[in-house]
Amino acid sequence: MEAHRHTMSNLFAQLGLPADPTAIDDFISAHRPLGSGVALYRAPFWTATQRAFLKEEIIEDADWAGVIDELNARLS
């Protein structure tokens, strides 16, 4: 079975955030850089639900992990 490749827009929609490219770029600009050593899911701008989703997907190396890693890199 082939793994599904999620996009940044899919991730933002899953997180309940505006998912168009301009909104994504604006979000990243407003929240970067993450503090040194701060795990993405521990960033203060997430809701509890968003935080739990991000943490679970990373820990389980689930379908979303690749695009979450991409977001982490863009926020660094």
PDB file of N, CA and C in Angstrom:
ATOM      1  N   MET A   1       0.846  -1.178   0.000  1.00  0.00           N
ATOM      2  CA  MET A   1       0.000   0.000   0.000  1.00  0.00           C
ATOM      3  C   MET A   1       0.895   1.245   0.000  1.00  0.00           C
ATOM      4  N   GLU A   2       0.548   2.201  -0.810  1.00  0.00           N
ATOM      5  CA  GLU A   2       1.325   3.427  -0.929  1.00  0.00           C
ATOM      6  C   GLU A   2       0.897   4.438   0.128  1.00  0.00           C
ATOM      7  N   ALA A   3       1.869   5.054   0.793  1.00  0.00           N
ATOM      8  CA  ALA A   3       1.577   6.063   1.817  1.00  0.00           C
ATOM      9  C   ALA A   3       1.066   7.332   1.145  1.00  0.00           C
ATOM     10  N   HIS A   4       0.110   7.972   1.778  1.00  0.00           N
ATOM     11  CA  HIS A   4      -0.449   9.217   1.260  1.00  0.00           C
ATOM     12  C   HIS A   4       0.491  10.369   1.581  1.00  0.00           C
ATOM     13  N   ARG A   5       0.754  11.218   0.617  1.00  0.00           N
ATOM     14  CA  ARG A   5       1.630  12.386   0.811  1.00  0.00           C
ATOM     15  C   ARG A   5       0.739  13.594   1.048  1.00  0.00           C
ATOM     16  N   HIS A   6       0.710  14.047   2.275  1.00  0.00           N
ATOM     17  CA  HIS A   6      -0.080  15.218   2.623  1.00  0.00           C
ATOM     18  C   HIS A   6       0.659  16.485   2.224  1.00  0.00           C
ATOM     19  N   THR A   7      -0.097  17.523   1.933  1.00  0.00           N
ATOM     20  CA  THR A   7       0.472  18.814   1.579  1.00  0.00           C
ATOM     21  C   THR A   7       0.391  19.759   2.778  1.00  0.00           C
ATOM     22  N   MET A   8       1.092  20.870   2.677  1.00  0.00           N
ATOM     23  CA  MET A   8       1.035  21.887   3.727  1.00  0.00           C
ATOM     24  C   MET A   8      -0.396  22.418   3.854  1.00  0.00           C
ATOM     25  N   SER A   9      -1.067  22.587   2.729  1.00  0.00           N
ATOM     26  CA  SER A   9      -2.464  23.052   2.777  1.00  0.00           C
ATOM     27  C   SER A   9      -3.346  22.046   3.507  1.00  0.00           C
ATOM     28  N   ASN A  10      -3.142  20.754   3.245  1.00  0.00           N
ATOM     29  CA  ASN A  10      -3.899  19.715   3.957  1.00  0.00           C
ATOM     30  C   ASN A  10      -3.651  19.794   5.455  1.00  0.00           C
ATOM     31  N   LEU A  11      -2.388  19.993   5.838  1.00  0.00           N
ATOM     32  CA  LEU A  11      -2.040  20.064   7.254  1.00  0.00           C
ATOM     33  C   LEU A  11      -2.720  21.253   7.929  1.00  0.00           C
ATOM     34  N   PHE A  12      -2.657  22.405   7.303  1.00  0.00           N
ATOM     35  CA  PHE A  12      -3.285  23.586   7.890  1.00  0.00           C
ATOM     36  C   PHE A  12      -4.793  23.408   8.002  1.00  0.00           C
ATOM     37  N   ALA A  13      -5.410  22.809   6.994  1.00  0.00           N
ATOM     38  CA  ALA A  13      -6.842  22.521   7.068  1.00  0.00           C
ATOM     39  C   ALA A  13      -7.131  21.553   8.214  1.00  0.00           C
ATOM     40  N   GLN A  14      -6.307  20.528   8.359  1.00  0.00           N
ATOM     41  CA  GLN A  14      -6.474  19.553   9.451  1.00  0.00           C
ATOM     42  C   GLN A  14      -6.363  20.231  10.815  1.00  0.00           C
ATOM     43  N   LEU A  15      -5.505  21.236  10.909  1.00  0.00           N
ATOM     44  CA  LEU A  15      -5.320  21.976  12.159  1.00  0.00           C
ATOM     45  C   LEU A  15      -6.389  23.041  12.373  1.00  0.00           C
ATOM     46  N   GLY A  16      -7.293  23.194  11.400  1.00  0.00           N
ATOM     47  CA  GLY A  16      -8.363  24.179  11.526  1.00  0.00           C
ATOM     48  C   GLY A  16      -7.904  25.598  11.244  1.00  0.00           C
ATOM     49  N   LEU A  17      -6.844  25.727  10.465  1.00  0.00           N
ATOM     50  CA  LEU A  17      -6.282  27.035  10.138  1.00  0.00           C
ATOM     51  C   LEU A  17      -6.535  27.347   8.665  1.00  0.00           C
ATOM     52  N   PRO A  18      -6.524  28.640   8.305  1.00  0.00           N
ATOM     53  CA  PRO A  18      -6.635  28.975   6.881  1.00  0.00           C
ATOM     54  C   PRO A  18      -5.534  28.251   6.102  1.00  0.00           C
ATOM     55  N   ALA A  19      -5.907  27.664   4.974  1.00  0.00           N
ATOM     56  CA  ALA A  19      -5.001  26.745   4.295  1.00  0.00           C
ATOM     57  C   ALA A  19      -4.542  27.214   2.922  1.00  0.00           C
ATOM     58  N   ASP A  20      -4.820  28.460   2.568  1.00  0.00           N
ATOM     59  CA  ASP A  20      -4.335  28.932   1.271  1.00  0.00           C
ATOM     60  C   ASP A  20      -2.865  29.328   1.415  1.00  0.00           C
ATOM     61  N   PRO A  21      -2.110  29.324   0.322  1.00  0.00           N
ATOM     62  CA  PRO A  21      -0.668  29.583   0.403  1.00  0.00           C
ATOM     63  C   PRO A  21      -0.297  30.904   1.091  1.00  0.00           C
ATOM     64  N   THR A  22      -1.044  31.962   0.843  1.00  0.00           N
ATOM     65  CA  THR A  22      -0.741  33.249   1.476  1.00  0.00           C
ATOM     66  C   THR A  22      -0.937  33.172   2.978  1.00  0.00           C
ATOM     67  N   ALA A  23      -2.024  32.553   3.426  1.00  0.00           N
ATOM     68  CA  ALA A  23      -2.278  32.412   4.860  1.00  0.00           C
ATOM     69  C   ALA A  23      -1.209  31.555   5.528  1.00  0.00           C
ATOM     70  N   ILE A  24      -0.764  30.513   4.848  1.00  0.00           N
ATOM     71  CA  ILE A  24       0.289  29.653   5.397  1.00  0.00           C
ATOM     72  C   ILE A  24       1.590  30.451   5.540  1.00  0.00           C
ATOM     73  N   ASP A  25       1.955  31.179   4.501  1.00  0.00           N
ATOM     74  CA  ASP A  25       3.169  32.005   4.566  1.00  0.00           C
ATOM     75  C   ASP A  25       3.064  33.051   5.669  1.00  0.00           C
ATOM     76  N   ASP A  26       1.891  33.665   5.817  1.00  0.00           N
ATOM     77  CA  ASP A  26       1.680  34.665   6.869  1.00  0.00           C
ATOM     78  C   ASP A  26       1.815  34.043   8.256  1.00  0.00           C
ATOM     79  N   PHE A  27       1.250  32.848   8.437  1.00  0.00           N
ATOM     80  CA  PHE A  27       1.342  32.141   9.717  1.00  0.00           C
ATOM     81  C   PHE A  27       2.798  31.865  10.057  1.00  0.00           C
ATOM     82  N   ILE A  28       3.529  31.349   9.091  1.00  0.00           N
ATOM     83  CA  ILE A  28       4.935  31.010   9.317  1.00  0.00           C
ATOM     84  C   ILE A  28       5.747  32.269   9.631  1.00  0.00           C
ATOM     85  N   SER A  29       5.516  33.325   8.894  1.00  0.00           N
ATOM     86  CA  SER A  29       6.226  34.586   9.149  1.00  0.00           C
ATOM     87  C   SER A  29       5.934  35.123  10.545  1.00  0.00           C
ATOM     88  N   ALA A  30       4.690  34.992  10.979  1.00  0.00           N
ATOM     89  CA  ALA A  30       4.288  35.518  12.285  1.00  0.00           C
ATOM     90  C   ALA A  30       4.826  34.694  13.453  1.00  0.00           C
ATOM     91  N   HIS A  31       5.137  33.417  13.217  1.00  0.00           N
ATOM     92  CA  HIS A  31       5.503  32.525  14.325  1.00  0.00           C
ATOM     93  C   HIS A  31       6.937  32.023  14.288  1.00  0.00           C
ATOM     94  N   ARG A  32       7.728  32.514  13.366  1.00  0.00           N
ATOM     95  CA  ARG A  32       9.105  32.045  13.319  1.00  0.00           C
ATOM     96  C   ARG A  32      10.033  33.095  13.878  1.00  0.00           C
ATOM     97  N   PRO A  33      11.154  32.764  14.367  1.00  0.00           N
ATOM     98  CA  PRO A  33      11.649  31.400  14.515  1.00  0.00           C
ATOM     99  C   PRO A  33      11.172  30.789  15.830  1.00  0.00           C
ATOM    100  N   LEU A  34      11.081  29.470  15.835  1.00  0.00           N
ATOM    101  CA  LEU A  34      10.808  28.759  17.088  1.00  0.00           C
ATOM    102  C   LEU A  34      12.031  28.924  17.982  1.00  0.00           C
ATOM    103  N   GLY A  35      11.808  28.963  19.262  1.00  0.00           N
ATOM    104  CA  GLY A  35      12.929  29.054  20.185  1.00  0.00           C
ATOM    105  C   GLY A  35      13.843  27.848  20.050  1.00  0.00           C
ATOM    106  N   SER A  36      15.097  28.045  20.334  1.00  0.00           N
ATOM    107  CA  SER A  36      16.072  26.970  20.257  1.00  0.00           C
ATOM    108  C   SER A  36      15.653  25.824  21.172  1.00  0.00           C
ATOM    109  N   GLY A  37      15.590  24.645  20.615  1.00  0.00           N
ATOM    110  CA  GLY A  37      15.255  23.464  21.403  1.00  0.00           C
ATOM    111  C   GLY A  37      13.776  23.286  21.693  1.00  0.00           C
ATOM    112  N   VAL A  38      12.913  24.141  21.142  1.00  0.00           N
ATOM    113  CA  VAL A  38      11.470  24.005  21.361  1.00  0.00           C
ATOM    114  C   VAL A  38      10.907  23.047  20.319  1.00  0.00           C
ATOM    115  N   ALA A  39      10.311  21.967  20.789  1.00  0.00           N
ATOM    116  CA  ALA A  39       9.664  21.030  19.872  1.00  0.00           C
ATOM    117  C   ALA A  39       8.465  21.726  19.230  1.00  0.00           C
ATOM    118  N   LEU A  40       8.225  21.453  17.969  1.00  0.00           N
ATOM    119  CA  LEU A  40       7.142  22.111  17.244  1.00  0.00           C
ATOM    120  C   LEU A  40       5.827  22.026  18.008  1.00  0.00           C
ATOM    121  N   TYR A  41       5.476  20.851  18.498  1.00  0.00           N
ATOM    122  CA  TYR A  41       4.183  20.688  19.160  1.00  0.00           C
ATOM    123  C   TYR A  41       4.102  21.439  20.491  1.00  0.00           C
ATOM    124  N   ARG A  42       5.238  21.868  21.029  1.00  0.00           N
ATOM    125  CA  ARG A  42       5.234  22.619  22.289  1.00  0.00           C
ATOM    126  C   ARG A  42       5.206  24.130  22.092  1.00  0.00           C
ATOM    127  N   ALA A  43       5.188  24.576  20.860  1.00  0.00           N
ATOM    128  CA  ALA A  43       5.138  26.012  20.593  1.00  0.00           C
ATOM    129  C   ALA A  43       3.865  26.597  21.211  1.00  0.00           C
ATOM    130  N   PRO A  44       3.962  27.802  21.755  1.00  0.00           N
ATOM    131  CA  PRO A  44       2.843  28.378  22.510  1.00  0.00           C
ATOM    132  C   PRO A  44       1.643  28.797  21.671  1.00  0.00           C
ATOM    133  N   PHE A  45       1.759  28.812  20.360  1.00  0.00           N
ATOM    134  CA  PHE A  45       0.668  29.296  19.531  1.00  0.00           C
ATOM    135  C   PHE A  45      -0.353  28.226  19.145  1.00  0.00           C
ATOM    136  N   TRP A  46      -0.114  26.965  19.523  1.00  0.00           N
ATOM    137  CA  TRP A  46      -1.075  25.902  19.211  1.00  0.00           C
ATOM    138  C   TRP A  46      -2.152  25.802  20.276  1.00  0.00           C
ATOM    139  N   THR A  47      -3.337  25.375  19.876  1.00  0.00           N
ATOM    140  CA  THR A  47      -4.372  25.018  20.840  1.00  0.00           C
ATOM    141  C   THR A  47      -4.022  23.635  21.391  1.00  0.00           C
ATOM    142  N   ALA A  48      -4.695  23.232  22.437  1.00  0.00           N
ATOM    143  CA  ALA A  48      -4.443  21.909  23.014  1.00  0.00           C
ATOM    144  C   ALA A  48      -4.713  20.806  21.988  1.00  0.00           C
ATOM    145  N   THR A  49      -5.755  20.953  21.204  1.00  0.00           N
ATOM    146  CA  THR A  49      -6.102  19.951  20.198  1.00  0.00           C
ATOM    147  C   THR A  49      -5.051  19.890  19.099  1.00  0.00           C
ATOM    148  N   GLN A  50      -4.606  21.049  18.629  1.00  0.00           N
ATOM    149  CA  GLN A  50      -3.566  21.086  17.606  1.00  0.00           C
ATOM    150  C   GLN A  50      -2.274  20.471  18.129  1.00  0.00           C
ATOM    151  N   ARG A  51      -1.931  20.813  19.348  1.00  0.00           N
ATOM    152  CA  ARG A  51      -0.712  20.303  19.981  1.00  0.00           C
ATOM    153  C   ARG A  51      -0.760  18.773  20.067  1.00  0.00           C
ATOM    154  N   ALA A  52      -1.888  18.242  20.508  1.00  0.00           N
ATOM    155  CA  ALA A  52      -2.029  16.796  20.653  1.00  0.00           C
ATOM    156  C   ALA A  52      -1.903  16.097  19.295  1.00  0.00           C
ATOM    157  N   PHE A  53      -2.520  16.666  18.267  1.00  0.00           N
ATOM    158  CA  PHE A  53      -2.439  16.084  16.932  1.00  0.00           C
ATOM    159  C   PHE A  53      -0.991  16.050  16.445  1.00  0.00           C
ATOM    160  N   LEU A  54      -0.311  17.180  16.536  1.00  0.00           N
ATOM    161  CA  LEU A  54       1.074  17.255  16.072  1.00  0.00           C
ATOM    162  C   LEU A  54       1.970  16.277  16.816  1.00  0.00           C
ATOM    163  N   LYS A  55       1.827  16.230  18.124  1.00  0.00           N
ATOM    164  CA  LYS A  55       2.655  15.341  18.939  1.00  0.00           C
ATOM    165  C   LYS A  55       2.416  13.878  18.566  1.00  0.00           C
ATOM    166  N   GLU A  56       1.167  13.494  18.472  1.00  0.00           N
ATOM    167  CA  GLU A  56       0.830  12.105  18.164  1.00  0.00           C
ATOM    168  C   GLU A  56       1.352  11.701  16.785  1.00  0.00           C
ATOM    169  N   GLU A  57       1.179  12.548  15.812  1.00  0.00           N
ATOM    170  CA  GLU A  57       1.609  12.214  14.456  1.00  0.00           C
ATOM    171  C   GLU A  57       3.129  12.080  14.358  1.00  0.00           C
ATOM    172  N   ILE A  58       3.857  12.927  15.069  1.00  0.00           N
ATOM    173  CA  ILE A  58       5.321  12.848  15.055  1.00  0.00           C
ATOM    174  C   ILE A  58       5.797  11.603  15.802  1.00  0.00           C
ATOM    175  N   ILE A  59       5.265  11.386  16.988  1.00  0.00           N
ATOM    176  CA  ILE A  59       5.700  10.227  17.791  1.00  0.00           C
ATOM    177  C   ILE A  59       5.445   8.917  17.048  1.00  0.00           C
ATOM    178  N   GLU A  60       4.289   8.828  16.389  1.00  0.00           N
ATOM    179  CA  GLU A  60       3.941   7.596  15.682  1.00  0.00           C
ATOM    180  C   GLU A  60       4.541   7.527  14.276  1.00  0.00           C
ATOM    181  N   ASP A  61       5.258   8.577  13.875  1.00  0.00           N
ATOM    182  CA  ASP A  61       5.808   8.657  12.522  1.00  0.00           C
ATOM    183  C   ASP A  61       4.716   8.307  11.511  1.00  0.00           C
ATOM    184  N   ALA A  62       3.561   8.913  11.718  1.00  0.00           N
ATOM    185  CA  ALA A  62       2.364   8.630  10.933  1.00  0.00           C
ATOM    186  C   ALA A  62       2.401   9.344   9.579  1.00  0.00           C
ATOM    187  N   ASP A  63       1.324   9.194   8.838  1.00  0.00           N
ATOM    188  CA  ASP A  63       1.186   9.795   7.506  1.00  0.00           C
ATOM    189  C   ASP A  63       1.553  11.272   7.461  1.00  0.00           C
ATOM    190  N   TRP A  64       1.218  11.993   8.504  1.00  0.00           N
ATOM    191  CA  TRP A  64       1.409  13.437   8.523  1.00  0.00           C
ATOM    192  C   TRP A  64       2.834  13.839   8.881  1.00  0.00           C
ATOM    193  N   ALA A  65       3.658  12.928   9.320  1.00  0.00           N
ATOM    194  CA  ALA A  65       4.982  13.275   9.853  1.00  0.00           C
ATOM    195  C   ALA A  65       5.844  14.046   8.851  1.00  0.00           C
ATOM    196  N   GLY A  66       5.817  13.687   7.592  1.00  0.00           N
ATOM    197  CA  GLY A  66       6.647  14.359   6.601  1.00  0.00           C
ATOM    198  C   GLY A  66       6.322  15.831   6.446  1.00  0.00           C
ATOM    199  N   VAL A  67       5.053  16.139   6.342  1.00  0.00           N
ATOM    200  CA  VAL A  67       4.656  17.537   6.171  1.00  0.00           C
ATOM    201  C   VAL A  67       4.802  18.309   7.490  1.00  0.00           C
ATOM    202  N   ILE A  68       4.654  17.630   8.617  1.00  0.00           N
ATOM    203  CA  ILE A  68       4.901  18.287   9.907  1.00  0.00           C
ATOM    204  C   ILE A  68       6.382  18.629  10.027  1.00  0.00           C
ATOM    205  N   ASP A  69       7.246  17.735   9.588  1.00  0.00           N
ATOM    206  CA  ASP A  69       8.684  18.027   9.568  1.00  0.00           C
ATOM    207  C   ASP A  69       8.981  19.232   8.672  1.00  0.00           C
ATOM    208  N   GLU A  70       8.295  19.299   7.545  1.00  0.00           N
ATOM    209  CA  GLU A  70       8.467  20.432   6.627  1.00  0.00           C
ATOM    210  C   GLU A  70       8.050  21.740   7.311  1.00  0.00           C
ATOM    211  N   LEU A  71       6.923  21.717   8.029  1.00  0.00           N
ATOM    212  CA  LEU A  71       6.479  22.910   8.758  1.00  0.00           C
ATOM    213  C   LEU A  71       7.509  23.283   9.820  1.00  0.00           C
ATOM    214  N   ASN A  72       8.011  22.297  10.535  1.00  0.00           N
ATOM    215  CA  ASN A  72       9.026  22.556  11.552  1.00  0.00           C
ATOM    216  C   ASN A  72      10.240  23.247  10.946  1.00  0.00           C
ATOM    217  N   ALA A  73      10.685  22.765   9.791  1.00  0.00           N
ATOM    218  CA  ALA A  73      11.839  23.363   9.121  1.00  0.00           C
ATOM    219  C   ALA A  73      11.544  24.803   8.706  1.00  0.00           C
ATOM    220  N   ARG A  74      10.354  25.047   8.224  1.00  0.00           N
ATOM    221  CA  ARG A  74       9.995  26.408   7.784  1.00  0.00           C
ATOM    222  C   ARG A  74       9.856  27.368   8.964  1.00  0.00           C
ATOM    223  N   LEU A  75       9.541  26.832  10.142  1.00  0.00           N
ATOM    224  CA  LEU A  75       9.413  27.675  11.324  1.00  0.00           C
ATOM    225  C   LEU A  75      10.748  27.890  12.047  1.00  0.00           C
ATOM    226  N   SER A  76      11.767  27.162  11.646  1.00  0.00           N
ATOM    227  CA  SER A  76      13.069  27.265  12.303  1.00  0.00           C
ATOM    228  C   SER A  76      13.862  28.468  11.839  1.00  0.00           C
TER     229      SER A  76
END
